[in-house]
Amino acid sequence: MALKIKLQRGGATHNPIYRVVVAEARGRRDGRFVEKLGTYIPKAKGQQIELTLNVERADYWTSVGAIPTDTTKALIKRARKEAPEAPEAPVAAETTA
């Protein structure tokens, strides 16, 4: 079963809301999916968040063999840039007794 990371459309006319999902490559655009990775709202207004994506799960699925479409590849790249960097753990000072 070949998997792809692709967009699944929802929302109203002229107001799309996309889910970023892992689905079978030959399946329909809005068909069944294996896992939902996040959402993308291209016309986000006010306090709506335009892109929410679980980058760790996207990395997992690409390591397993799922191929992202061109658009989702760009969204994953953007989510990596926007994600806050995890602060490094402070190095404990060694004490000699």
PDB file of N, CA and C in Angstrom:
ATOM      1  N   MET A   1       0.844  -1.164   0.000  1.00  0.00           N
ATOM      2  CA  MET A   1       0.000   0.000   0.000  1.00  0.00           C
ATOM      3  C   MET A   1       0.900   1.241   0.000  1.00  0.00           C
ATOM      4  N   ALA A   2       0.853   2.011  -1.088  1.00  0.00           N
ATOM      5  CA  ALA A   2       1.637   3.239  -1.192  1.00  0.00           C
ATOM      6  C   ALA A   2       0.902   4.374  -0.497  1.00  0.00           C
ATOM      7  N   LEU A   3       1.606   5.083   0.363  1.00  0.00           N
ATOM      8  CA  LEU A   3       0.994   6.169   1.125  1.00  0.00           C
ATOM      9  C   LEU A   3       1.503   7.517   0.650  1.00  0.00           C
ATOM     10  N   LYS A   4       0.632   8.522   0.767  1.00  0.00           N
ATOM     11  CA  LYS A   4       0.989   9.899   0.462  1.00  0.00           C
ATOM     12  C   LYS A   4       0.523  10.791   1.587  1.00  0.00           C
ATOM     13  N   ILE A   5       1.243  11.876   1.781  1.00  0.00           N
ATOM     14  CA  ILE A   5       0.797  12.936   2.685  1.00  0.00           C
ATOM     15  C   ILE A   5       0.167  13.975   1.783  1.00  0.00           C
ATOM     16  N   LYS A   6      -1.144  14.185   1.939  1.00  0.00           N
ATOM     17  CA  LYS A   6      -1.836  15.089   1.029  1.00  0.00           C
ATOM     18  C   LYS A   6      -2.895  15.909   1.754  1.00  0.00           C
ATOM     19  N   LEU A   7      -3.513  16.832   1.014  1.00  0.00           N
ATOM     20  CA  LEU A   7      -4.528  17.722   1.572  1.00  0.00           C
ATOM     21  C   LEU A   7      -5.914  17.158   1.303  1.00  0.00           C
ATOM     22  N   GLN A   8      -6.770  17.262   2.303  1.00  0.00           N
ATOM     23  CA  GLN A   8      -8.159  16.830   2.186  1.00  0.00           C
ATOM     24  C   GLN A   8      -9.022  18.067   2.399  1.00  0.00           C
ATOM     25  N   ARG A   9      -9.837  18.423   1.398  1.00  0.00           N
ATOM     26  CA  ARG A   9     -10.578  19.682   1.448  1.00  0.00           C
ATOM     27  C   ARG A   9     -11.855  19.570   2.264  1.00  0.00           C
ATOM     28  N   GLY A  10     -12.119  20.632   3.008  1.00  0.00           N
ATOM     29  CA  GLY A  10     -13.354  20.763   3.758  1.00  0.00           C
ATOM     30  C   GLY A  10     -13.753  22.229   3.738  1.00  0.00           C
ATOM     31  N   GLY A  11     -14.765  22.590   4.497  1.00  0.00           N
ATOM     32  CA  GLY A  11     -15.177  23.978   4.552  1.00  0.00           C
ATOM     33  C   GLY A  11     -16.269  24.288   3.542  1.00  0.00           C
ATOM     34  N   ALA A  12     -16.581  25.573   3.415  1.00  0.00           N
ATOM     35  CA  ALA A  12     -17.662  26.021   2.553  1.00  0.00           C
ATOM     36  C   ALA A  12     -17.114  26.516   1.212  1.00  0.00           C
ATOM     37  N   THR A  13     -18.024  26.892   0.330  1.00  0.00           N
ATOM     38  CA  THR A  13     -17.634  27.449  -0.959  1.00  0.00           C
ATOM     39  C   THR A  13     -16.858  28.746  -0.726  1.00  0.00           C
ATOM     40  N   HIS A  14     -15.760  28.902  -1.401  1.00  0.00           N
ATOM     41  CA  HIS A  14     -14.867  30.064  -1.300  1.00  0.00           C
ATOM     42  C   HIS A  14     -14.276  30.250   0.090  1.00  0.00           C
ATOM     43  N   ASN A  15     -14.353  29.259   0.933  1.00  0.00           N
ATOM     44  CA  ASN A  15     -13.761  29.322   2.271  1.00  0.00           C
ATOM     45  C   ASN A  15     -13.197  27.939   2.629  1.00  0.00           C
ATOM     46  N   PRO A  16     -12.126  27.538   1.963  1.00  0.00           N
ATOM     47  CA  PRO A  16     -11.626  26.179   2.171  1.00  0.00           C
ATOM     48  C   PRO A  16     -10.877  26.027   3.489  1.00  0.00           C
ATOM     49  N   ILE A  17     -10.983  24.830   4.038  1.00  0.00           N
ATOM     50  CA  ILE A  17     -10.188  24.406   5.188  1.00  0.00           C
ATOM     51  C   ILE A  17      -9.640  23.029   4.809  1.00  0.00           C
ATOM     52  N   TYR A  18      -8.345  22.894   4.853  1.00  0.00           N
ATOM     53  CA  TYR A  18      -7.719  21.642   4.452  1.00  0.00           C
ATOM     54  C   TYR A  18      -7.186  20.907   5.663  1.00  0.00           C
ATOM     55  N   ARG A  19      -7.317  19.574   5.633  1.00  0.00           N
ATOM     56  CA  ARG A  19      -6.667  18.718   6.612  1.00  0.00           C
ATOM     57  C   ARG A  19      -5.440  18.124   5.942  1.00  0.00           C
ATOM     58  N   VAL A  20      -4.342  18.103   6.651  1.00  0.00           N
ATOM     59  CA  VAL A  20      -3.143  17.425   6.159  1.00  0.00           C
ATOM     60  C   VAL A  20      -3.226  16.001   6.680  1.00  0.00           C
ATOM     61  N   VAL A  21      -3.337  15.036   5.752  1.00  0.00           N
ATOM     62  CA  VAL A  21      -3.561  13.647   6.149  1.00  0.00           C
ATOM     63  C   VAL A  21      -2.579  12.707   5.453  1.00  0.00           C
ATOM     64  N   VAL A  22      -2.424  11.537   6.040  1.00  0.00           N
ATOM     65  CA  VAL A  22      -1.707  10.432   5.405  1.00  0.00           C
ATOM     66  C   VAL A  22      -2.778   9.505   4.857  1.00  0.00           C
ATOM     67  N   ALA A  23      -2.756   9.274   3.542  1.00  0.00           N
ATOM     68  CA  ALA A  23      -3.781   8.445   2.913  1.00  0.00           C
ATOM     69  C   ALA A  23      -3.143   7.601   1.819  1.00  0.00           C
ATOM     70  N   GLU A  24      -3.903   6.620   1.366  1.00  0.00           N
ATOM     71  CA  GLU A  24      -3.427   5.777   0.276  1.00  0.00           C
ATOM     72  C   GLU A  24      -3.319   6.620  -0.990  1.00  0.00           C
ATOM     73  N   ALA A  25      -2.272   6.403  -1.752  1.00  0.00           N
ATOM     74  CA  ALA A  25      -1.972   7.245  -2.911  1.00  0.00           C
ATOM     75  C   ALA A  25      -3.069   7.192  -3.968  1.00  0.00           C
ATOM     76  N   ARG A  26      -3.676   6.030  -4.160  1.00  0.00           N
ATOM     77  CA  ARG A  26      -4.681   5.904  -5.218  1.00  0.00           C
ATOM     78  C   ARG A  26      -6.097   6.198  -4.745  1.00  0.00           C
ATOM     79  N   GLY A  27      -6.238   6.585  -3.485  1.00  0.00           N
ATOM     80  CA  GLY A  27      -7.556   6.893  -2.937  1.00  0.00           C
ATOM     81  C   GLY A  27      -8.055   8.253  -3.389  1.00  0.00           C
ATOM     82  N   ARG A  28      -9.338   8.521  -3.140  1.00  0.00           N
ATOM     83  CA  ARG A  28      -9.935   9.804  -3.496  1.00  0.00           C
ATOM     84  C   ARG A  28      -9.353  10.921  -2.648  1.00  0.00           C
ATOM     85  N   ARG A  29      -9.488  12.145  -3.131  1.00  0.00           N
ATOM     86  CA  ARG A  29      -8.944  13.302  -2.419  1.00  0.00           C
ATOM     87  C   ARG A  29      -9.542  13.426  -1.016  1.00  0.00           C
ATOM     88  N   ASP A  30     -10.862  13.258  -0.921  1.00  0.00           N
ATOM     89  CA  ASP A  30     -11.530  13.408   0.365  1.00  0.00           C
ATOM     90  C   ASP A  30     -11.943  12.065   0.957  1.00  0.00           C
ATOM     91  N   GLY A  31     -11.267  10.993   0.553  1.00  0.00           N
ATOM     92  CA  GLY A  31     -11.628   9.668   1.022  1.00  0.00           C
ATOM     93  C   GLY A  31     -11.031   9.337   2.379  1.00  0.00           C
ATOM     94  N   ARG A  32     -10.964   8.040   2.657  1.00  0.00           N
ATOM     95  CA  ARG A  32     -10.450   7.588   3.944  1.00  0.00           C
ATOM     96  C   ARG A  32      -8.978   7.950   4.103  1.00  0.00           C
ATOM     97  N   PHE A  33      -8.563   8.117   5.348  1.00  0.00           N
ATOM     98  CA  PHE A  33      -7.174   8.429   5.616  1.00  0.00           C
ATOM     99  C   PHE A  33      -6.671   7.588   6.774  1.00  0.00           C
ATOM    100  N   VAL A  34      -5.354   7.489   6.878  1.00  0.00           N
ATOM    101  CA  VAL A  34      -4.733   6.699   7.936  1.00  0.00           C
ATOM    102  C   VAL A  34      -4.575   7.535   9.199  1.00  0.00           C
ATOM    103  N   GLU A  35      -4.081   8.768   9.044  1.00  0.00           N
ATOM    104  CA  GLU A  35      -3.856   9.634  10.202  1.00  0.00           C
ATOM    105  C   GLU A  35      -3.951  11.092   9.782  1.00  0.00           C
ATOM    106  N   LYS A  36      -4.524  11.905  10.652  1.00  0.00           N
ATOM    107  CA  LYS A  36      -4.598  13.345  10.426  1.00  0.00           C
ATOM    108  C   LYS A  36      -3.387  13.990  11.086  1.00  0.00           C
ATOM    109  N   LEU A  37      -2.623  14.766  10.300  1.00  0.00           N
ATOM    110  CA  LEU A  37      -1.412  15.391  10.817  1.00  0.00           C
ATOM    111  C   LEU A  37      -1.620  16.839  11.232  1.00  0.00           C
ATOM    112  N   GLY A  38      -2.625  17.501  10.659  1.00  0.00           N
ATOM    113  CA  GLY A  38      -2.850  18.895  11.015  1.00  0.00           C
ATOM    114  C   GLY A  38      -3.885  19.536  10.114  1.00  0.00           C
ATOM    115  N   THR A  39      -3.976  20.872  10.194  1.00  0.00           N
ATOM    116  CA  THR A  39      -4.920  21.621   9.375  1.00  0.00           C
ATOM    117  C   THR A  39      -4.215  22.803   8.732  1.00  0.00           C
ATOM    118  N   TYR A  40      -4.797  23.265   7.608  1.00  0.00           N
ATOM    119  CA  TYR A  40      -4.279  24.420   6.884  1.00  0.00           C
ATOM    120  C   TYR A  40      -5.475  25.259   6.446  1.00  0.00           C
ATOM    121  N   ILE A  41      -5.510  26.513   6.902  1.00  0.00           N
ATOM    122  CA  ILE A  41      -6.591  27.438   6.545  1.00  0.00           C
ATOM    123  C   ILE A  41      -5.964  28.570   5.729  1.00  0.00           C
ATOM    124  N   PRO A  42      -6.073  28.533   4.407  1.00  0.00           N
ATOM    125  CA  PRO A  42      -5.393  29.541   3.588  1.00  0.00           C
ATOM    126  C   PRO A  42      -5.953  30.950   3.762  1.00  0.00           C
ATOM    127  N   LYS A  43      -7.220  31.091   4.137  1.00  0.00           N
ATOM    128  CA  LYS A  43      -7.835  32.410   4.312  1.00  0.00           C
ATOM    129  C   LYS A  43      -8.054  32.710   5.791  1.00  0.00           C
ATOM    130  N   ALA A  44      -7.063  32.455   6.608  1.00  0.00           N
ATOM    131  CA  ALA A  44      -7.189  32.659   8.047  1.00  0.00           C
ATOM    132  C   ALA A  44      -7.356  34.142   8.356  1.00  0.00           C
ATOM    133  N   LYS A  45      -8.306  34.436   9.246  1.00  0.00           N
ATOM    134  CA  LYS A  45      -8.591  35.822   9.628  1.00  0.00           C
ATOM    135  C   LYS A  45      -8.487  35.970  11.130  1.00  0.00           C
ATOM    136  N   GLY A  46      -8.048  37.132  11.553  1.00  0.00           N
ATOM    137  CA  GLY A  46      -8.035  37.430  12.980  1.00  0.00           C
ATOM    138  C   GLY A  46      -7.138  36.499  13.756  1.00  0.00           C
ATOM    139  N   GLN A  47      -7.734  35.825  14.734  1.00  0.00           N
ATOM    140  CA  GLN A  47      -6.947  34.975  15.608  1.00  0.00           C
ATOM    141  C   GLN A  47      -6.895  33.520  15.152  1.00  0.00           C
ATOM    142  N   GLN A  48      -7.434  33.226  13.976  1.00  0.00           N
ATOM    143  CA  GLN A  48      -7.330  31.864  13.453  1.00  0.00           C
ATOM    144  C   GLN A  48      -5.871  31.568  13.129  1.00  0.00           C
ATOM    145  N   ILE A  49      -5.459  30.368  13.408  1.00  0.00           N
ATOM    146  CA  ILE A  49      -4.097  29.956  13.086  1.00  0.00           C
ATOM    147  C   ILE A  49      -4.123  29.351  11.691  1.00  0.00           C
ATOM    148  N   GLU A  50      -3.242  29.843  10.826  1.00  0.00           N
ATOM    149  CA  GLU A  50      -3.254  29.403   9.432  1.00  0.00           C
ATOM    150  C   GLU A  50      -2.809  27.950   9.280  1.00  0.00           C
ATOM    151  N   LEU A  51      -1.769  27.563  10.006  1.00  0.00           N
ATOM    152  CA  LEU A  51      -1.210  26.225   9.829  1.00  0.00           C
ATOM    153  C   LEU A  51      -0.911  25.599  11.184  1.00  0.00           C
ATOM    154  N   THR A  52      -1.490  24.416  11.416  1.00  0.00           N
ATOM    155  CA  THR A  52      -1.128  23.606  12.575  1.00  0.00           C
ATOM    156  C   THR A  52      -0.735  22.244  12.032  1.00  0.00           C
ATOM    157  N   LEU A  53       0.464  21.809  12.352  1.00  0.00           N
ATOM    158  CA  LEU A  53       0.966  20.563  11.785  1.00  0.00           C
ATOM    159  C   LEU A  53       1.879  19.879  12.791  1.00  0.00           C
ATOM    160  N   ASN A  54       1.706  18.572  12.950  1.00  0.00           N
ATOM    161  CA  ASN A  54       2.567  17.775  13.813  1.00  0.00           C
ATOM    162  C   ASN A  54       3.765  17.326  12.982  1.00  0.00           C
ATOM    163  N   VAL A  55       4.864  18.079  13.098  1.00  0.00           N
ATOM    164  CA  VAL A  55       6.046  17.837  12.263  1.00  0.00           C
ATOM    165  C   VAL A  55       6.694  16.500  12.609  1.00  0.00           C
ATOM    166  N   GLU A  56       6.662  16.113  13.874  1.00  0.00           N
ATOM    167  CA  GLU A  56       7.267  14.840  14.273  1.00  0.00           C
ATOM    168  C   GLU A  56       6.587  13.665  13.577  1.00  0.00           C
ATOM    169  N   ARG A  57       5.248  13.692  13.524  1.00  0.00           N
ATOM    170  CA  ARG A  57       4.522  12.613  12.854  1.00  0.00           C
ATOM    171  C   ARG A  57       4.756  12.647  11.344  1.00  0.00           C
ATOM    172  N   ALA A  58       4.875  13.841  10.772  1.00  0.00           N
ATOM    173  CA  ALA A  58       5.171  13.951   9.340  1.00  0.00           C
ATOM    174  C   ALA A  58       6.540  13.349   9.040  1.00  0.00           C
ATOM    175  N   ASP A  59       7.514  13.604   9.908  1.00  0.00           N
ATOM    176  CA  ASP A  59       8.841  13.009   9.733  1.00  0.00           C
ATOM    177  C   ASP A  59       8.780  11.490   9.852  1.00  0.00           C
ATOM    178  N   TYR A  60       7.974  11.004  10.797  1.00  0.00           N
ATOM    179  CA  TYR A  60       7.825   9.563  10.953  1.00  0.00           C
ATOM    180  C   TYR A  60       7.267   8.940   9.672  1.00  0.00           C
ATOM    181  N   TRP A  61       6.190   9.526   9.141  1.00  0.00           N
ATOM    182  CA  TRP A  61       5.563   8.942   7.960  1.00  0.00           C
ATOM    183  C   TRP A  61       6.471   9.014   6.738  1.00  0.00           C
ATOM    184  N   THR A  62       7.254  10.078   6.606  1.00  0.00           N
ATOM    185  CA  THR A  62       8.187  10.127   5.477  1.00  0.00           C
ATOM    186  C   THR A  62       9.300   9.102   5.655  1.00  0.00           C
ATOM    187  N   SER A  63       9.706   8.839   6.895  1.00  0.00           N
ATOM    188  CA  SER A  63      10.738   7.823   7.115  1.00  0.00           C
ATOM    189  C   SER A  63      10.220   6.424   6.813  1.00  0.00           C
ATOM    190  N   VAL A  64       8.912   6.223   6.983  1.00  0.00           N
ATOM    191  CA  VAL A  64       8.311   4.918   6.707  1.00  0.00           C
ATOM    192  C   VAL A  64       8.078   4.727   5.211  1.00  0.00           C
ATOM    193  N   GLY A  65       8.023   5.823   4.449  1.00  0.00           N
ATOM    194  CA  GLY A  65       7.872   5.700   3.008  1.00  0.00           C
ATOM    195  C   GLY A  65       6.751   6.509   2.406  1.00  0.00           C
ATOM    196  N   ALA A  66       6.016   7.276   3.210  1.00  0.00           N
ATOM    197  CA  ALA A  66       4.948   8.114   2.664  1.00  0.00           C
ATOM    198  C   ALA A  66       5.575   9.281   1.905  1.00  0.00           C
ATOM    199  N   ILE A  67       5.034   9.572   0.740  1.00  0.00           N
ATOM    200  CA  ILE A  67       5.574  10.623  -0.111  1.00  0.00           C
ATOM    201  C   ILE A  67       4.670  11.851  -0.022  1.00  0.00           C
ATOM    202  N   PRO A  68       5.211  13.001   0.418  1.00  0.00           N
ATOM    203  CA  PRO A  68       4.369  14.204   0.471  1.00  0.00           C
ATOM    204  C   PRO A  68       4.170  14.794  -0.920  1.00  0.00           C
ATOM    205  N   THR A  69       2.983  15.358  -1.168  1.00  0.00           N
ATOM    206  CA  THR A  69       2.754  16.061  -2.424  1.00  0.00           C
ATOM    207  C   THR A  69       3.558  17.355  -2.392  1.00  0.00           C
ATOM    208  N   ASP A  70       3.638  18.052  -3.514  1.00  0.00           N
ATOM    209  CA  ASP A  70       4.422  19.281  -3.582  1.00  0.00           C
ATOM    210  C   ASP A  70       3.918  20.314  -2.573  1.00  0.00           C
ATOM    211  N   THR A  71       2.601  20.462  -2.486  1.00  0.00           N
ATOM    212  CA  THR A  71       2.026  21.451  -1.575  1.00  0.00           C
ATOM    213  C   THR A  71       2.292  21.078  -0.122  1.00  0.00           C
ATOM    214  N   THR A  72       2.092  19.817   0.233  1.00  0.00           N
ATOM    215  CA  THR A  72       2.317  19.428   1.622  1.00  0.00           C
ATOM    216  C   THR A  72       3.800  19.483   1.977  1.00  0.00           C
ATOM    217  N   LYS A  73       4.668  19.248   1.011  1.00  0.00           N
ATOM    218  CA  LYS A  73       6.098  19.371   1.260  1.00  0.00           C
ATOM    219  C   LYS A  73       6.437  20.813   1.648  1.00  0.00           C
ATOM    220  N   ALA A  74       5.829  21.769   0.944  1.00  0.00           N
ATOM    221  CA  ALA A  74       6.052  23.182   1.253  1.00  0.00           C
ATOM    222  C   ALA A  74       5.463  23.539   2.622  1.00  0.00           C
ATOM    223  N   LEU A  75       4.295  22.971   2.956  1.00  0.00           N
ATOM    224  CA  LEU A  75       3.675  23.251   4.249  1.00  0.00           C
ATOM    225  C   LEU A  75       4.501  22.675   5.403  1.00  0.00           C
ATOM    226  N   ILE A  76       5.061  21.497   5.215  1.00  0.00           N
ATOM    227  CA  ILE A  76       5.907  20.890   6.243  1.00  0.00           C
ATOM    228  C   ILE A  76       7.155  21.747   6.454  1.00  0.00           C
ATOM    229  N   LYS A  77       7.704  22.232   5.363  1.00  0.00           N
ATOM    230  CA  LYS A  77       8.888  23.095   5.446  1.00  0.00           C
ATOM    231  C   LYS A  77       8.563  24.380   6.201  1.00  0.00           C
ATOM    232  N   ARG A  78       7.395  24.965   5.914  1.00  0.00           N
ATOM    233  CA  ARG A  78       6.973  26.188   6.601  1.00  0.00           C
ATOM    234  C   ARG A  78       6.711  25.927   8.083  1.00  0.00           C
ATOM    235  N   ALA A  79       6.120  24.777   8.409  1.00  0.00           N
ATOM    236  CA  ALA A  79       5.838  24.443   9.806  1.00  0.00           C
ATOM    237  C   ALA A  79       7.130  24.258  10.593  1.00  0.00           C
ATOM    238  N   ARG A  80       8.163  23.727   9.944  1.00  0.00           N
ATOM    239  CA  ARG A  80       9.457  23.578  10.611  1.00  0.00           C
ATOM    240  C   ARG A  80      10.046  24.939  10.960  1.00  0.00           C
ATOM    241  N   LYS A  81       9.894  25.903  10.054  1.00  0.00           N
ATOM    242  CA  LYS A  81      10.427  27.245  10.303  1.00  0.00           C
ATOM    243  C   LYS A  81       9.666  27.940  11.426  1.00  0.00           C
ATOM    244  N   GLU A  82       8.345  27.769  11.453  1.00  0.00           N
ATOM    245  CA  GLU A  82       7.508  28.446  12.438  1.00  0.00           C
ATOM    246  C   GLU A  82       7.565  27.791  13.810  1.00  0.00           C
ATOM    247  N   ALA A  83       7.919  26.513  13.865  1.00  0.00           N
ATOM    248  CA  ALA A  83       7.943  25.797  15.145  1.00  0.00           C
ATOM    249  C   ALA A  83       9.030  26.382  16.033  1.00  0.00           C
ATOM    250  N   PRO A  84       8.702  26.652  17.288  1.00  0.00           N
ATOM    251  CA  PRO A  84       9.723  27.192  18.188  1.00  0.00           C
ATOM    252  C   PRO A  84      10.797  26.140  18.441  1.00  0.00           C
ATOM    253  N   GLU A  85      12.006  26.595  18.466  1.00  0.00           N
ATOM    254  CA  GLU A  85      13.115  25.684  18.720  1.00  0.00           C
ATOM    255  C   GLU A  85      13.040  25.194  20.162  1.00  0.00           C
ATOM    256  N   ALA A  86      13.277  23.920  20.351  1.00  0.00           N
ATOM    257  CA  ALA A  86      13.283  23.364  21.704  1.00  0.00           C
ATOM    258  C   ALA A  86      14.558  23.826  22.398  1.00  0.00           C
ATOM    259  N   PRO A  87      14.431  24.426  23.574  1.00  0.00           N
ATOM    260  CA  PRO A  87      15.638  24.883  24.261  1.00  0.00           C
ATOM    261  C   PRO A  87      16.501  23.688  24.662  1.00  0.00           C
ATOM    262  N   GLU A  88      17.792  23.877  24.539  1.00  0.00           N
ATOM    263  CA  GLU A  88      18.698  22.798  24.885  1.00  0.00           C
ATOM    264  C   GLU A  88      18.734  22.631  26.393  1.00  0.00           C
ATOM    265  N   ALA A  89      18.894  21.416  26.823  1.00  0.00           N
ATOM    266  CA  ALA A  89      18.947  21.134  28.255  1.00  0.00           C
ATOM    267  C   ALA A  89      20.234  21.726  28.827  1.00  0.00           C
ATOM    268  N   PRO A  90      20.135  22.402  29.939  1.00  0.00           N
ATOM    269  CA  PRO A  90      21.358  22.983  30.520  1.00  0.00           C
ATOM    270  C   PRO A  90      22.303  21.883  30.975  1.00  0.00           C
ATOM    271  N   VAL A  91      23.565  22.125  30.768  1.00  0.00           N
ATOM    272  CA  VAL A  91      24.573  21.139  31.162  1.00  0.00           C
ATOM    273  C   VAL A  91      24.805  21.290  32.656  1.00  0.00           C
ATOM    274  N   ALA A  92      24.682  20.192  33.354  1.00  0.00           N
ATOM    275  CA  ALA A  92      24.879  20.222  34.799  1.00  0.00           C
ATOM    276  C   ALA A  92      26.368  20.378  35.088  1.00  0.00           C
ATOM    277  N   ALA A  93      26.662  21.266  36.015  1.00  0.00           N
ATOM    278  CA  ALA A  93      28.062  21.487  36.388  1.00  0.00           C
ATOM    279  C   ALA A  93      28.570  20.274  37.152  1.00  0.00           C
ATOM    280  N   GLU A  94      29.731  19.818  36.732  1.00  0.00           N
ATOM    281  CA  GLU A  94      30.318  18.655  37.402  1.00  0.00           C
ATOM    282  C   GLU A  94      30.953  19.103  38.713  1.00  0.00           C
ATOM    283  N   THR A  95      30.696  18.370  39.723  1.00  0.00           N
ATOM    284  CA  THR A  95      31.319  18.670  41.018  1.00  0.00           C
ATOM    285  C   THR A  95      32.208  17.517  41.400  1.00  0.00           C
ATOM    286  N   THR A  96      33.391  17.851  41.810  1.00  0.00           N
ATOM    287  CA  THR A  96      34.314  16.819  42.248  1.00  0.00           C
ATOM    288  C   THR A  96      34.423  16.887  43.758  1.00  0.00           C
ATOM    289  N   ALA A  97      34.281  15.763  44.373  1.00  0.00           N
ATOM    290  CA  ALA A  97      34.322  15.741  45.823  1.00  0.00           C
ATOM    291  C   ALA A  97      35.495  14.955  46.327  1.00  0.00           C
TER     292      ALA A  97
END
